[in-house]
Amino acid sequence: MHEAKKPFTPESLAAHWDCTPRHIRNLVDHEKIPSFRVGKLIRIPAAFVNAKDRGEEWKAPSLKDTETPTAQSGGPTARPDVLPFVPRT
């Protein structure tokens, strides 16, 4: 079985796990599986499904795991892909 890269919809995960989309939505509603929304659309992370298919435990990435420049850590870091905020006058 190949590893998925894109997030699953309830319908695509139901087909993958051979159950109904309603069952997947119930698992999402009861917070038994991780999910996120794009507008009103439900998506299930592919990393979670891949880990479950391999029989592994899945841990959601934490915001603490990412390094974000702050005033306490020495101020903002220059990034070429982000424009600085300039208030309108």
PDB file of N, CA and C in Angstrom:
ATOM      1  N   MET A   1       0.852  -1.179   0.000  1.00  0.00           N
ATOM      2  CA  MET A   1       0.000   0.000   0.000  1.00  0.00           C
ATOM      3  C   MET A   1       0.898   1.243   0.000  1.00  0.00           C
ATOM      4  N   HIS A   2       0.588   2.200  -0.828  1.00  0.00           N
ATOM      5  CA  HIS A   2       1.409   3.410  -0.900  1.00  0.00           C
ATOM      6  C   HIS A   2       0.946   4.443   0.128  1.00  0.00           C
ATOM      7  N   GLU A   3       1.843   5.344   0.457  1.00  0.00           N
ATOM      8  CA  GLU A   3       1.540   6.385   1.437  1.00  0.00           C
ATOM      9  C   GLU A   3       0.848   7.557   0.756  1.00  0.00           C
ATOM     10  N   ALA A   4      -0.245   7.996   1.353  1.00  0.00           N
ATOM     11  CA  ALA A   4      -0.976   9.151   0.833  1.00  0.00           C
ATOM     12  C   ALA A   4      -0.223  10.426   1.201  1.00  0.00           C
ATOM     13  N   LYS A   5      -0.322  11.432   0.357  1.00  0.00           N
ATOM     14  CA  LYS A   5       0.307  12.719   0.617  1.00  0.00           C
ATOM     15  C   LYS A   5      -0.732  13.807   0.895  1.00  0.00           C
ATOM     16  N   LYS A   6      -1.907  13.694   0.269  1.00  0.00           N
ATOM     17  CA  LYS A   6      -2.963  14.692   0.437  1.00  0.00           C
ATOM     18  C   LYS A   6      -3.895  14.286   1.572  1.00  0.00           C
ATOM     19  N   PRO A   7      -4.488  15.280   2.245  1.00  0.00           N
ATOM     20  CA  PRO A   7      -5.466  14.958   3.284  1.00  0.00           C
ATOM     21  C   PRO A   7      -6.654  14.191   2.702  1.00  0.00           C
ATOM     22  N   PHE A   8      -7.259  13.371   3.527  1.00  0.00           N
ATOM     23  CA  PHE A   8      -8.412  12.576   3.120  1.00  0.00           C
ATOM     24  C   PHE A   8      -9.702  13.339   3.392  1.00  0.00           C
ATOM     25  N   THR A   9     -10.699  13.112   2.562  1.00  0.00           N
ATOM     26  CA  THR A   9     -12.065  13.545   2.839  1.00  0.00           C
ATOM     27  C   THR A   9     -12.728  12.391   3.599  1.00  0.00           C
ATOM     28  N   PRO A  10     -13.848  12.628   4.257  1.00  0.00           N
ATOM     29  CA  PRO A  10     -14.542  11.499   4.891  1.00  0.00           C
ATOM     30  C   PRO A  10     -14.888  10.391   3.878  1.00  0.00           C
ATOM     31  N   GLU A  11     -15.240  10.795   2.665  1.00  0.00           N
ATOM     32  CA  GLU A  11     -15.592   9.815   1.633  1.00  0.00           C
ATOM     33  C   GLU A  11     -14.373   8.994   1.198  1.00  0.00           C
ATOM     34  N   SER A  12     -13.244   9.673   0.978  1.00  0.00           N
ATOM     35  CA  SER A  12     -12.056   8.940   0.513  1.00  0.00           C
ATOM     36  C   SER A  12     -11.480   8.057   1.629  1.00  0.00           C
ATOM     37  N   LEU A  13     -11.543   8.521   2.886  1.00  0.00           N
ATOM     38  CA  LEU A  13     -11.057   7.690   3.990  1.00  0.00           C
ATOM     39  C   LEU A  13     -11.986   6.504   4.215  1.00  0.00           C
ATOM     40  N   ALA A  14     -13.291   6.713   4.050  1.00  0.00           N
ATOM     41  CA  ALA A  14     -14.247   5.608   4.185  1.00  0.00           C
ATOM     42  C   ALA A  14     -13.964   4.520   3.148  1.00  0.00           C
ATOM     43  N   ALA A  15     -13.666   4.921   1.932  1.00  0.00           N
ATOM     44  CA  ALA A  15     -13.333   3.949   0.888  1.00  0.00           C
ATOM     45  C   ALA A  15     -12.017   3.242   1.227  1.00  0.00           C
ATOM     46  N   HIS A  16     -11.066   3.994   1.746  1.00  0.00           N
ATOM     47  CA  HIS A  16      -9.754   3.447   2.107  1.00  0.00           C
ATOM     48  C   HIS A  16      -9.871   2.439   3.255  1.00  0.00           C
ATOM     49  N   TRP A  17     -10.690   2.745   4.253  1.00  0.00           N
ATOM     50  CA  TRP A  17     -10.853   1.878   5.423  1.00  0.00           C
ATOM     51  C   TRP A  17     -12.066   0.948   5.321  1.00  0.00           C
ATOM     52  N   ASP A  18     -12.766   0.971   4.190  1.00  0.00           N
ATOM     53  CA  ASP A  18     -13.917   0.107   3.949  1.00  0.00           C
ATOM     54  C   ASP A  18     -14.994   0.259   5.036  1.00  0.00           C
ATOM     55  N   CYS A  19     -15.427   1.504   5.198  1.00  0.00           N
ATOM     56  CA  CYS A  19     -16.541   1.795   6.111  1.00  0.00           C
ATOM     57  C   CYS A  19     -17.370   2.900   5.454  1.00  0.00           C
ATOM     58  N   THR A  20     -18.301   3.476   6.180  1.00  0.00           N
ATOM     59  CA  THR A  20     -19.149   4.508   5.585  1.00  0.00           C
ATOM     60  C   THR A  20     -18.603   5.905   5.896  1.00  0.00           C
ATOM     61  N   PRO A  21     -18.877   6.878   5.035  1.00  0.00           N
ATOM     62  CA  PRO A  21     -18.490   8.264   5.322  1.00  0.00           C
ATOM     63  C   PRO A  21     -19.123   8.774   6.619  1.00  0.00           C
ATOM     64  N   ARG A  22     -20.339   8.312   6.929  1.00  0.00           N
ATOM     65  CA  ARG A  22     -21.000   8.714   8.173  1.00  0.00           C
ATOM     66  C   ARG A  22     -20.191   8.261   9.391  1.00  0.00           C
ATOM     67  N   HIS A  23     -19.636   7.045   9.317  1.00  0.00           N
ATOM     68  CA  HIS A  23     -18.813   6.533  10.418  1.00  0.00           C
ATOM     69  C   HIS A  23     -17.572   7.420  10.612  1.00  0.00           C
ATOM     70  N   ILE A  24     -16.950   7.826   9.530  1.00  0.00           N
ATOM     71  CA  ILE A  24     -15.772   8.711   9.611  1.00  0.00           C
ATOM     72  C   ILE A  24     -16.185  10.041  10.227  1.00  0.00           C
ATOM     73  N   ARG A  25     -17.308  10.597   9.797  1.00  0.00           N
ATOM     74  CA  ARG A  25     -17.781  11.865  10.374  1.00  0.00           C
ATOM     75  C   ARG A  25     -18.085  11.722  11.865  1.00  0.00           C
ATOM     76  N   ASN A  26     -18.648  10.574  12.264  1.00  0.00           N
ATOM     77  CA  ASN A  26     -18.901  10.327  13.690  1.00  0.00           C
ATOM     78  C   ASN A  26     -17.589  10.285  14.473  1.00  0.00           C
ATOM     79  N   LEU A  27     -16.566   9.637  13.913  1.00  0.00           N
ATOM     80  CA  LEU A  27     -15.258   9.599  14.576  1.00  0.00           C
ATOM     81  C   LEU A  27     -14.677  11.005  14.715  1.00  0.00           C
ATOM     82  N   VAL A  28     -14.855  11.820  13.680  1.00  0.00           N
ATOM     83  CA  VAL A  28     -14.390  13.211  13.732  1.00  0.00           C
ATOM     84  C   VAL A  28     -15.178  13.981  14.786  1.00  0.00           C
ATOM     85  N   ASP A  29     -16.498  13.849  14.765  1.00  0.00           N
ATOM     86  CA  ASP A  29     -17.356  14.567  15.713  1.00  0.00           C
ATOM     87  C   ASP A  29     -17.036  14.214  17.165  1.00  0.00           C
ATOM     88  N   HIS A  30     -16.667  12.957  17.419  1.00  0.00           N
ATOM     89  CA  HIS A  30     -16.345  12.507  18.777  1.00  0.00           C
ATOM     90  C   HIS A  30     -14.845  12.601  19.070  1.00  0.00           C
ATOM     91  N   GLU A  31     -14.123  13.278  18.182  1.00  0.00           N
ATOM     92  CA  GLU A  31     -12.682  13.530  18.330  1.00  0.00           C
ATOM     93  C   GLU A  31     -11.876  12.253  18.526  1.00  0.00           C
ATOM     94  N   LYS A  32     -12.281  11.188  17.844  1.00  0.00           N
ATOM     95  CA  LYS A  32     -11.546   9.921  17.877  1.00  0.00           C
ATOM     96  C   LYS A  32     -10.433   9.906  16.834  1.00  0.00           C
ATOM     97  N   ILE A  33     -10.585  10.729  15.794  1.00  0.00           N
ATOM     98  CA  ILE A  33      -9.525  10.887  14.800  1.00  0.00           C
ATOM     99  C   ILE A  33      -9.314  12.387  14.572  1.00  0.00           C
ATOM    100  N   PRO A  34      -8.075  12.778  14.276  1.00  0.00           N
ATOM    101  CA  PRO A  34      -7.805  14.203  14.068  1.00  0.00           C
ATOM    102  C   PRO A  34      -8.390  14.680  12.749  1.00  0.00           C
ATOM    103  N   SER A  35      -8.741  15.940  12.731  1.00  0.00           N
ATOM    104  CA  SER A  35      -9.280  16.521  11.498  1.00  0.00           C
ATOM    105  C   SER A  35      -9.068  18.025  11.530  1.00  0.00           C
ATOM    106  N   PHE A  36      -9.248  18.615  10.375  1.00  0.00           N
ATOM    107  CA  PHE A  36      -9.257  20.069  10.277  1.00  0.00           C
ATOM    108  C   PHE A  36     -10.281  20.437   9.226  1.00  0.00           C
ATOM    109  N   ARG A  37     -10.664  21.675   9.217  1.00  0.00           N
ATOM    110  CA  ARG A  37     -11.678  22.125   8.265  1.00  0.00           C
ATOM    111  C   ARG A  37     -11.095  23.131   7.292  1.00  0.00           C
ATOM    112  N   VAL A  38     -11.555  23.032   6.071  1.00  0.00           N
ATOM    113  CA  VAL A  38     -11.274  24.011   5.033  1.00  0.00           C
ATOM    114  C   VAL A  38     -12.642  24.581   4.693  1.00  0.00           C
ATOM    115  N   GLY A  39     -12.960  25.712   5.335  1.00  0.00           N
ATOM    116  CA  GLY A  39     -14.327  26.218   5.245  1.00  0.00           C
ATOM    117  C   GLY A  39     -15.229  25.242   5.987  1.00  0.00           C
ATOM    118  N   LYS A  40     -16.210  24.690   5.293  1.00  0.00           N
ATOM    119  CA  LYS A  40     -17.101  23.702   5.896  1.00  0.00           C
ATOM    120  C   LYS A  40     -16.636  22.272   5.638  1.00  0.00           C
ATOM    121  N   LEU A  41     -15.618  22.107   4.811  1.00  0.00           N
ATOM    122  CA  LEU A  41     -15.165  20.775   4.411  1.00  0.00           C
ATOM    123  C   LEU A  41     -14.266  20.154   5.467  1.00  0.00           C
ATOM    124  N   ILE A  42     -14.483  18.878   5.758  1.00  0.00           N
ATOM    125  CA  ILE A  42     -13.681  18.136   6.728  1.00  0.00           C
ATOM    126  C   ILE A  42     -12.518  17.480   5.987  1.00  0.00           C
ATOM    127  N   ARG A  43     -11.333  17.562   6.587  1.00  0.00           N
ATOM    128  CA  ARG A  43     -10.164  16.882   6.048  1.00  0.00           C
ATOM    129  C   ARG A  43      -9.465  16.149   7.193  1.00  0.00           C
ATOM    130  N   ILE A  44      -8.941  14.957   6.875  1.00  0.00           N
ATOM    131  CA  ILE A  44      -8.206  14.142   7.837  1.00  0.00           C
ATOM    132  C   ILE A  44      -6.759  14.074   7.353  1.00  0.00           C
ATOM    133  N   PRO A  45      -5.793  14.411   8.224  1.00  0.00           N
ATOM    134  CA  PRO A  45      -4.394  14.441   7.784  1.00  0.00           C
ATOM    135  C   PRO A  45      -3.905  13.089   7.248  1.00  0.00           C
ATOM    136  N   ALA A  46      -3.231  13.127   6.118  1.00  0.00           N
ATOM    137  CA  ALA A  46      -2.684  11.910   5.513  1.00  0.00           C
ATOM    138  C   ALA A  46      -1.658  11.270   6.435  1.00  0.00           C
ATOM    139  N   ALA A  47      -0.887  12.070   7.176  1.00  0.00           N
ATOM    140  CA  ALA A  47       0.121  11.516   8.083  1.00  0.00           C
ATOM    141  C   ALA A  47      -0.529  10.628   9.148  1.00  0.00           C
ATOM    142  N   PHE A  48      -1.714  11.022   9.619  1.00  0.00           N
ATOM    143  CA  PHE A  48      -2.444  10.209  10.599  1.00  0.00           C
ATOM    144  C   PHE A  48      -2.854   8.878   9.975  1.00  0.00           C
ATOM    145  N   VAL A  49      -3.443   8.919   8.783  1.00  0.00           N
ATOM    146  CA  VAL A  49      -3.923   7.702   8.121  1.00  0.00           C
ATOM    147  C   VAL A  49      -2.742   6.786   7.806  1.00  0.00           C
ATOM    148  N   ASN A  50      -1.649   7.349   7.305  1.00  0.00           N
ATOM    149  CA  ASN A  50      -0.467   6.538   6.988  1.00  0.00           C
ATOM    150  C   ASN A  50       0.078   5.854   8.238  1.00  0.00           C
ATOM    151  N   ALA A  51       0.137   6.593   9.354  1.00  0.00           N
ATOM    152  CA  ALA A  51       0.633   6.010  10.606  1.00  0.00           C
ATOM    153  C   ALA A  51      -0.295   4.886  11.070  1.00  0.00           C
ATOM    154  N   LYS A  52      -1.601   5.101  11.012  1.00  0.00           N
ATOM    155  CA  LYS A  52      -2.551   4.067  11.433  1.00  0.00           C
ATOM    156  C   LYS A  52      -2.458   2.841  10.530  1.00  0.00           C
ATOM    157  N   ASP A  53      -2.262   3.052   9.227  1.00  0.00           N
ATOM    158  CA  ASP A  53      -2.127   1.925   8.303  1.00  0.00           C
ATOM    159  C   ASP A  53      -0.882   1.097   8.613  1.00  0.00           C
ATOM    160  N   ARG A  54       0.168   1.754   9.126  1.00  0.00           N
ATOM    161  CA  ARG A  54       1.396   1.047   9.502  1.00  0.00           C
ATOM    162  C   ARG A  54       1.310   0.476  10.908  1.00  0.00           C
ATOM    163  N   GLY A  55       0.221   0.787  11.633  1.00  0.00           N
ATOM    164  CA  GLY A  55       0.051   0.310  12.993  1.00  0.00           C
ATOM    165  C   GLY A  55       0.844   1.112  14.008  1.00  0.00           C
ATOM    166  N   GLU A  56       1.197   2.329  13.659  1.00  0.00           N
ATOM    167  CA  GLU A  56       1.989   3.188  14.538  1.00  0.00           C
ATOM    168  C   GLU A  56       1.100   4.190  15.262  1.00  0.00           C
ATOM    169  N   GLU A  57       1.621   4.693  16.372  1.00  0.00           N
ATOM    170  CA  GLU A  57       0.954   5.772  17.101  1.00  0.00           C
ATOM    171  C   GLU A  57       1.228   7.071  16.359  1.00  0.00           C
ATOM    172  N   TRP A  58       0.238   7.950  16.286  1.00  0.00           N
ATOM    173  CA  TRP A  58       0.412   9.235  15.610  1.00  0.00           C
ATOM    174  C   TRP A  58       0.295  10.346  16.613  1.00  0.00           C
ATOM    175  N   LYS A  59       1.244  11.269  16.571  1.00  0.00           N
ATOM    176  CA  LYS A  59       1.197  12.434  17.450  1.00  0.00           C
ATOM    177  C   LYS A  59       1.099  13.667  16.567  1.00  0.00           C
ATOM    178  N   ALA A  60       0.098  14.472  16.834  1.00  0.00           N
ATOM    179  CA  ALA A  60      -0.097  15.693  16.052  1.00  0.00           C
ATOM    180  C   ALA A  60       1.078  16.638  16.248  1.00  0.00           C
ATOM    181  N   PRO A  61       1.504  17.323  15.191  1.00  0.00           N
ATOM    182  CA  PRO A  61       2.567  18.305  15.351  1.00  0.00           C
ATOM    183  C   PRO A  61       2.118  19.417  16.291  1.00  0.00           C
ATOM    184  N   SER A  62       3.028  19.892  17.102  1.00  0.00           N
ATOM    185  CA  SER A  62       2.718  20.938  18.064  1.00  0.00           C
ATOM    186  C   SER A  62       3.259  22.267  17.564  1.00  0.00           C
ATOM    187  N   LEU A  63       2.553  23.330  17.888  1.00  0.00           N
ATOM    188  CA  LEU A  63       3.057  24.653  17.538  1.00  0.00           C
ATOM    189  C   LEU A  63       4.344  24.955  18.294  1.00  0.00           C
ATOM    190  N   LYS A  64       4.541  24.305  19.445  1.00  0.00           N
ATOM    191  CA  LYS A  64       5.761  24.493  20.216  1.00  0.00           C
ATOM    192  C   LYS A  64       6.966  23.907  19.487  1.00  0.00           C
ATOM    193  N   ASP A  65       6.729  22.928  18.584  1.00  0.00           N
ATOM    194  CA  ASP A  65       7.810  22.293  17.852  1.00  0.00           C
ATOM    195  C   ASP A  65       8.371  23.185  16.755  1.00  0.00           C
ATOM    196  N   THR A  66       7.627  24.203  16.366  1.00  0.00           N
ATOM    197  CA  THR A  66       8.083  25.095  15.310  1.00  0.00           C
ATOM    198  C   THR A  66       8.704  26.330  15.923  1.00  0.00           C
ATOM    199  N   GLU A  67       9.766  26.792  15.317  1.00  0.00           N
ATOM    200  CA  GLU A  67      10.435  27.975  15.837  1.00  0.00           C
ATOM    201  C   GLU A  67       9.879  29.208  15.145  1.00  0.00           C
ATOM    202  N   THR A  68       9.253  30.059  15.923  1.00  0.00           N
ATOM    203  CA  THR A  68       8.683  31.293  15.415  1.00  0.00           C
ATOM    204  C   THR A  68       9.416  32.452  16.060  1.00  0.00           C
ATOM    205  N   PRO A  69       9.955  33.368  15.275  1.00  0.00           N
ATOM    206  CA  PRO A  69      10.653  34.497  15.874  1.00  0.00           C
ATOM    207  C   PRO A  69       9.702  35.365  16.694  1.00  0.00           C
ATOM    208  N   THR A  70      10.145  35.751  17.864  1.00  0.00           N
ATOM    209  CA  THR A  70       9.339  36.610  18.726  1.00  0.00           C
ATOM    210  C   THR A  70      10.212  37.718  19.273  1.00  0.00           C
ATOM    211  N   ALA A  71       9.599  38.680  19.927  1.00  0.00           N
ATOM    212  CA  ALA A  71      10.354  39.778  20.527  1.00  0.00           C
ATOM    213  C   ALA A  71      11.289  39.243  21.605  1.00  0.00           C
ATOM    214  N   GLN A  72      10.864  38.191  22.334  1.00  0.00           N
ATOM    215  CA  GLN A  72      11.696  37.635  23.392  1.00  0.00           C
ATOM    216  C   GLN A  72      12.927  36.923  22.826  1.00  0.00           C
ATOM    217  N   SER A  73      12.834  36.382  21.633  1.00  0.00           N
ATOM    218  CA  SER A  73      13.959  35.627  21.078  1.00  0.00           C
ATOM    219  C   SER A  73      14.853  36.476  20.196  1.00  0.00           C
ATOM    220  N   GLY A  74      14.784  37.773  20.339  1.00  0.00           N
ATOM    221  CA  GLY A  74      15.690  38.612  19.573  1.00  0.00           C
ATOM    222  C   GLY A  74      15.045  39.342  18.423  1.00  0.00           C
ATOM    223  N   GLY A  75      13.734  39.295  18.325  1.00  0.00           N
ATOM    224  CA  GLY A  75      13.047  40.041  17.284  1.00  0.00           C
ATOM    225  C   GLY A  75      12.803  39.239  16.032  1.00  0.00           C
ATOM    226  N   PRO A  76      12.122  39.832  15.102  1.00  0.00           N
ATOM    227  CA  PRO A  76      11.773  39.116  13.875  1.00  0.00           C
ATOM    228  C   PRO A  76      13.008  38.833  13.034  1.00  0.00           C
ATOM    229  N   THR A  77      12.957  37.713  12.377  1.00  0.00           N
ATOM    230  CA  THR A  77      14.024  37.312  11.478  1.00  0.00           C
ATOM    231  C   THR A  77      13.618  37.684  10.058  1.00  0.00           C
ATOM    232  N   ALA A  78      14.552  38.225   9.304  1.00  0.00           N
ATOM    233  CA  ALA A  78      14.257  38.616   7.922  1.00  0.00           C
ATOM    234  C   ALA A  78      14.009  37.366   7.092  1.00  0.00           C
ATOM    235  N   ARG A  79      12.875  37.330   6.434  1.00  0.00           N
ATOM    236  CA  ARG A  79      12.543  36.220   5.538  1.00  0.00           C
ATOM    237  C   ARG A  79      12.186  36.816   4.194  1.00  0.00           C
ATOM    238  N   PRO A  80      12.800  36.335   3.124  1.00  0.00           N
ATOM    239  CA  PRO A  80      12.531  36.907   1.810  1.00  0.00           C
ATOM    240  C   PRO A  80      11.116  36.653   1.310  1.00  0.00           C
ATOM    241  N   ASP A  81      10.429  35.626   1.856  1.00  0.00           N
ATOM    242  CA  ASP A  81       9.088  35.303   1.382  1.00  0.00           C
ATOM    243  C   ASP A  81       7.987  36.041   2.138  1.00  0.00           C
ATOM    244  N   VAL A  82       8.333  36.850   3.145  1.00  0.00           N
ATOM    245  CA  VAL A  82       7.344  37.560   3.937  1.00  0.00           C
ATOM    246  C   VAL A  82       7.638  39.059   3.891  1.00  0.00           C
ATOM    247  N   LEU A  83       6.641  39.808   3.496  1.00  0.00           N
ATOM    248  CA  LEU A  83       6.807  41.271   3.455  1.00  0.00           C
ATOM    249  C   LEU A  83       6.533  41.845   4.840  1.00  0.00           C
ATOM    250  N   PRO A  84       7.261  42.861   5.253  1.00  0.00           N
ATOM    251  CA  PRO A  84       7.011  43.458   6.557  1.00  0.00           C
ATOM    252  C   PRO A  84       5.679  44.219   6.549  1.00  0.00           C
ATOM    253  N   PHE A  85       5.064  44.294   7.707  1.00  0.00           N
ATOM    254  CA  PHE A  85       3.819  45.026   7.846  1.00  0.00           C
ATOM    255  C   PHE A  85       4.123  46.530   7.866  1.00  0.00           C
ATOM    256  N   VAL A  86       3.438  47.251   7.019  1.00  0.00           N
ATOM    257  CA  VAL A  86       3.588  48.705   6.976  1.00  0.00           C
ATOM    258  C   VAL A  86       2.196  49.297   7.115  1.00  0.00           C
ATOM    259  N   PRO A  87       1.932  49.985   8.245  1.00  0.00           N
ATOM    260  CA  PRO A  87       0.587  50.554   8.429  1.00  0.00           C
ATOM    261  C   PRO A  87       0.298  51.655   7.429  1.00  0.00           C
ATOM    262  N   ARG A  88      -0.958  51.756   7.062  1.00  0.00           N
ATOM    263  CA  ARG A  88      -1.375  52.825   6.136  1.00  0.00           C
ATOM    264  C   ARG A  88      -1.391  54.147   6.876  1.00  0.00           C
ATOM    265  N   THR A  89      -1.001  55.192   6.188  1.00  0.00           N
ATOM    266  CA  THR A  89      -1.022  56.526   6.824  1.00  0.00           C
ATOM    267  C   THR A  89      -2.017  57.423   6.142  1.00  0.00           C
TER     268      THR A  89
END
